[in-house]
Protein backbone atom coordinates (compact mmCIF):
# COMPACT_ATOMS: atom_id res chain seq x y z
CA MET A 1 -42.96 53.62 144.15
CA LEU A 2 -41.14 56.41 146.20
CA ARG A 3 -38.85 55.18 148.95
CA ASN A 4 -37.36 57.04 151.97
CA GLU A 5 -33.85 57.17 151.83
CA PRO A 6 -31.27 58.61 154.36
CA TYR A 7 -30.51 62.30 153.60
CA THR A 8 -27.10 63.28 153.27
CA PRO A 9 -26.37 67.17 153.35
CA GLY A 10 -24.93 68.12 150.07
CA ALA A 11 -26.17 65.13 148.33
CA GLN A 12 -27.98 65.43 144.80
CA VAL A 13 -31.90 64.64 145.13
CA THR A 14 -33.43 62.72 142.26
CA LEU A 15 -37.11 62.90 142.00
CA ASP A 16 -39.18 60.23 140.16
CA VAL A 17 -41.42 62.51 138.18
CA ARG A 18 -43.76 59.53 136.88
CA ALA A 19 -44.02 58.24 140.50
CA ILE A 20 -45.03 61.82 141.87
CA GLU A 21 -47.66 62.34 139.03
CA ARG A 22 -49.13 58.94 139.83
CA MET A 23 -49.31 59.71 143.48
CA CYS A 24 -50.91 63.20 142.81
CA THR A 25 -53.40 61.49 140.49
CA LEU A 26 -54.47 58.93 143.30
CA MET A 27 -55.00 61.77 145.61
CA SER A 28 -56.93 63.75 143.51
CA GLY A 29 -59.39 60.98 142.43
CA CYS A 30 -60.97 61.16 138.99
CA SER A 31 -60.62 63.68 136.17
CA LEU A 32 -61.65 64.29 132.79
CA ASP A 33 -59.45 66.54 130.60
CA LEU A 34 -59.70 67.98 127.13
CA TYR A 35 -56.77 68.54 124.94
CA TRP A 36 -56.36 70.43 121.82
CA ILE A 37 -53.51 69.23 119.45
CA PRO A 38 -52.30 70.90 116.03
CA VAL A 39 -53.47 68.52 113.20
CA GLY A 40 -50.48 67.13 111.49
CA ALA A 41 -48.29 67.64 114.67
CA GLY A 42 -45.18 65.46 114.51
CA THR A 43 -45.67 64.13 111.05
CA SER A 44 -43.68 64.73 107.75
CA ARG A 45 -43.28 68.12 106.11
CA LEU A 46 -45.18 66.79 103.13
CA GLN A 47 -48.23 65.88 105.23
CA ARG A 48 -48.11 69.23 106.91
CA ALA A 49 -47.85 71.18 103.71
CA SER A 50 -50.88 69.07 102.34
CA LEU A 51 -52.87 70.01 105.36
CA ALA A 52 -51.92 73.67 104.88
CA ALA A 53 -52.93 73.66 101.27
CA TRP A 54 -56.22 71.90 102.16
CA GLU A 55 -56.90 74.73 104.72
CA ALA A 56 -56.01 77.32 102.30
CA PHE A 57 -58.46 76.03 99.80
CA GLU A 58 -61.26 75.77 102.32
CA ALA A 59 -60.45 79.36 103.65
CA LEU A 60 -60.61 80.82 100.22
CA ARG A 61 -63.92 78.97 99.22
CA ALA A 62 -65.57 80.21 102.56
CA ARG A 63 -63.97 83.70 102.05
CA ARG A 64 -62.46 83.74 105.52
CA PRO A 65 -58.85 84.07 106.89
CA ARG A 66 -56.79 80.89 107.15
CA THR A 67 -56.44 79.31 110.64
CA THR A 68 -54.54 76.60 112.49
CA LEU A 69 -56.30 73.31 112.43
CA PHE A 70 -56.81 71.50 115.71
CA HIS A 71 -58.09 68.05 116.76
CA SER A 72 -59.50 67.18 120.35
CA ALA A 73 -58.75 64.24 122.39
CA LEU A 74 -59.98 63.19 126.00
CA LYS A 75 -57.90 61.93 128.88
CA LEU A 76 -59.89 60.05 131.66
CA THR A 77 -58.60 59.07 135.20
CA LEU A 78 -60.57 56.77 137.24
CA ASP A 79 -60.54 56.61 141.18
CA ASP A 80 -58.00 53.79 141.16
CA GLY A 81 -55.54 55.83 139.17
CA THR A 82 -56.15 54.16 135.87
CA ILE A 83 -55.78 56.67 132.95
CA PHE A 84 -57.56 56.15 129.59
CA THR A 85 -57.27 58.21 126.50
CA LEU A 86 -60.29 58.50 124.14
CA GLU A 87 -59.55 59.04 120.46
CA MET A 88 -60.64 58.30 116.96
CA THR A 89 -58.06 56.47 114.92
CA PRO A 90 -57.90 54.70 111.46
CA ALA A 91 -59.24 51.02 112.02
CA PHE A 92 -56.16 49.46 110.62
CA VAL A 93 -54.23 50.96 113.60
CA SER A 94 -54.02 48.05 116.01
CA ALA A 95 -55.37 48.73 119.48
CA PRO A 96 -55.24 46.58 122.85
CA VAL A 97 -58.93 47.10 123.24
CA SER A 98 -61.96 46.49 121.10
CA PRO A 99 -63.37 49.71 119.51
CA LEU A 100 -66.22 51.38 121.08
CA VAL A 101 -67.54 52.52 117.68
CA THR A 102 -66.36 52.03 114.09
CA GLY A 103 -67.57 53.84 110.89
CA ALA A 104 -66.74 54.43 107.18
CA VAL A 105 -64.20 56.96 105.91
CA GLY A 106 -65.16 58.97 102.72
CA VAL A 107 -68.01 56.74 101.52
CA ARG A 108 -70.26 54.67 103.55
CA THR A 109 -69.80 51.63 101.01
CA ALA A 110 -65.97 51.69 101.52
CA GLY A 111 -66.46 50.72 105.11
CA ARG A 112 -66.58 47.26 104.17
CA PHE A 113 -62.79 47.56 104.03
CA LYS A 114 -60.69 48.06 106.96
CA LEU A 115 -58.63 50.56 105.16
CA PHE A 116 -61.63 52.85 104.86
CA ARG A 117 -62.89 52.41 108.45
CA TYR A 118 -62.09 54.51 111.45
CA GLN A 119 -62.47 53.32 115.16
CA LEU A 120 -63.26 55.27 118.40
CA VAL A 121 -61.10 53.63 121.29
CA CYS A 122 -60.76 54.04 124.94
CA VAL A 123 -57.26 52.90 125.49
CA PRO A 124 -55.34 52.43 128.96
CA SER A 125 -52.40 54.85 128.55
CA GLU A 126 -50.44 57.34 130.58
CA SER A 127 -50.43 59.89 127.65
CA LEU A 128 -52.11 60.58 124.16
CA PRO A 129 -50.00 59.75 121.11
CA ASP A 130 -49.38 63.22 120.23
CA GLU A 131 -50.05 65.00 123.71
CA GLN A 132 -46.45 66.84 123.64
CA TRP A 133 -47.75 69.23 121.02
CA ALA A 134 -51.04 70.02 122.92
CA VAL A 135 -51.57 73.90 122.97
CA GLY A 136 -52.47 75.54 126.18
CA GLY A 137 -52.41 72.29 128.18
CA PRO A 138 -55.36 70.31 129.39
CA ALA A 139 -58.72 71.81 130.23
CA ARG A 140 -60.08 70.11 133.26
CA ILE A 141 -63.80 69.45 132.55
CA SER A 142 -64.73 67.52 135.74
CA ASN A 143 -63.46 65.68 138.87
CA ASP A 144 -66.54 63.60 139.10
CA CYS A 145 -66.04 59.97 139.18
CA GLU A 146 -69.48 59.19 138.13
CA VAL A 147 -69.20 61.61 135.30
CA VAL A 148 -66.03 60.02 133.92
CA ARG A 149 -67.55 56.45 134.17
CA SER A 150 -70.80 57.59 132.59
CA LEU A 151 -68.89 59.12 129.54
CA VAL A 152 -67.13 55.94 128.86
CA ASP A 153 -70.47 54.12 128.76
CA LEU A 154 -71.98 56.87 126.49
CA ALA A 155 -69.10 56.54 124.10
CA ALA A 156 -70.45 53.55 122.62
CA ARG A 157 -73.39 55.37 121.54
CA VAL A 158 -71.50 58.00 119.42
CA PRO A 159 -73.32 58.10 116.03
CA PRO A 160 -71.06 56.08 113.36
CA TYR A 161 -71.61 58.69 110.77
CA THR A 162 -69.15 58.36 107.75
CA TRP A 163 -66.06 60.45 108.45
CA GLY A 164 -65.40 63.28 106.04
CA ARG A 165 -68.98 63.56 104.88
CA ARG A 166 -71.42 66.35 105.84
CA VAL A 167 -74.14 65.10 108.17
CA ARG A 168 -77.59 66.45 107.28
CA GLY A 169 -78.73 69.52 108.85
CA THR A 170 -75.19 70.51 109.81
CA PRO A 171 -72.72 72.82 107.83
CA GLU A 172 -69.74 70.65 108.10
CA MET A 173 -68.38 67.08 107.79
CA TRP A 174 -68.29 64.55 110.69
CA THR A 175 -64.81 64.06 112.11
CA SER A 176 -63.15 62.86 115.33
CA ASP A 177 -63.85 66.23 116.90
CA SER A 178 -67.51 65.71 116.21
CA ALA A 179 -67.41 62.54 118.24
CA ILE A 180 -65.92 64.55 121.20
CA SER A 181 -68.20 67.43 120.88
CA TRP A 182 -71.21 65.09 120.74
CA LEU A 183 -69.99 63.19 123.84
CA LEU A 184 -69.52 66.41 125.72
CA VAL A 185 -73.04 67.87 125.03
CA ARG A 186 -74.72 64.88 125.74
CA MET A 187 -72.98 64.69 128.98
CA GLY A 188 -74.50 68.15 129.61
CA PHE A 189 -71.33 70.45 129.32
CA ASP A 190 -71.46 73.92 128.00
CA LEU A 191 -68.93 74.05 125.32
CA THR A 192 -68.77 77.87 125.05
CA ALA A 193 -65.44 78.07 126.56
CA LEU A 194 -64.11 74.70 125.54
CA GLY A 195 -63.52 75.21 121.80
CA PRO A 196 -60.10 75.07 119.92
CA PRO A 197 -57.56 77.67 120.95
CA LEU A 198 -57.71 81.31 119.71
CA GLY A 199 -57.02 81.69 115.86
CA GLY A 200 -57.80 77.94 115.44
CA ARG A 201 -60.60 75.69 113.98
CA ALA A 202 -61.54 72.15 114.42
CA PRO A 203 -63.66 70.76 111.51
CA GLY A 204 -66.69 68.90 112.79
CA TRP A 205 -66.53 70.27 116.15
CA ASP A 206 -69.91 72.27 115.55
CA ALA A 207 -71.41 69.26 113.74
CA GLY A 208 -71.08 67.09 116.83
CA GLN A 209 -72.86 69.85 118.98
CA ILE A 210 -75.76 70.16 116.56
CA VAL A 211 -76.35 66.34 116.15
CA ALA A 212 -76.06 65.94 119.93
CA SER A 213 -78.88 68.68 120.34
CA ARG A 214 -81.20 66.86 118.22
CA ALA A 215 -83.64 64.29 119.56
CA GLU A 216 -82.32 61.28 117.38
CA GLY A 217 -78.69 62.26 117.58
């Protein structure tokens, strides 16, 4: 909480940045923000190298230039100032809330084991786990409280397709980006200007949009 203190000329003024951000959030009401984060940001050099090798192989196979891989995440703020983050994580990663959706990774039958399952979670949190590496800052999608609450309700209906496998009728595999784009399209947002940063690629982003546009998606 910010407190009024007697001001002494020449004294150093210290600002509580967290408190100021919290106050601004409460004053501005609800919000829905989209973040684009480089895949592998903050991980070991070996992990980043393996991701670069995979992208190089995919680019060669598709006869296109190599790109930077990104993954998307949503941050939601309610009118009482509570902040939630919506992301897809491995099911073996503990979360303070129950998952909204779970699904298999790689092969549907492997989903019997927690090690090979993913989970979509909406967690009370001030920041995303890898938010510090987000490119371009958050893209504000909405300030409508009803929209934010409706999106949380809709998240429980994200199709639990197998992660890493191509969904029939789409050109790419189902990923965390598929879940995010599915949600945004189903909420009625135009994603034309909301895709990954220039020169980047988000595997699964288009798949989510295609599935969301289908009557059964």
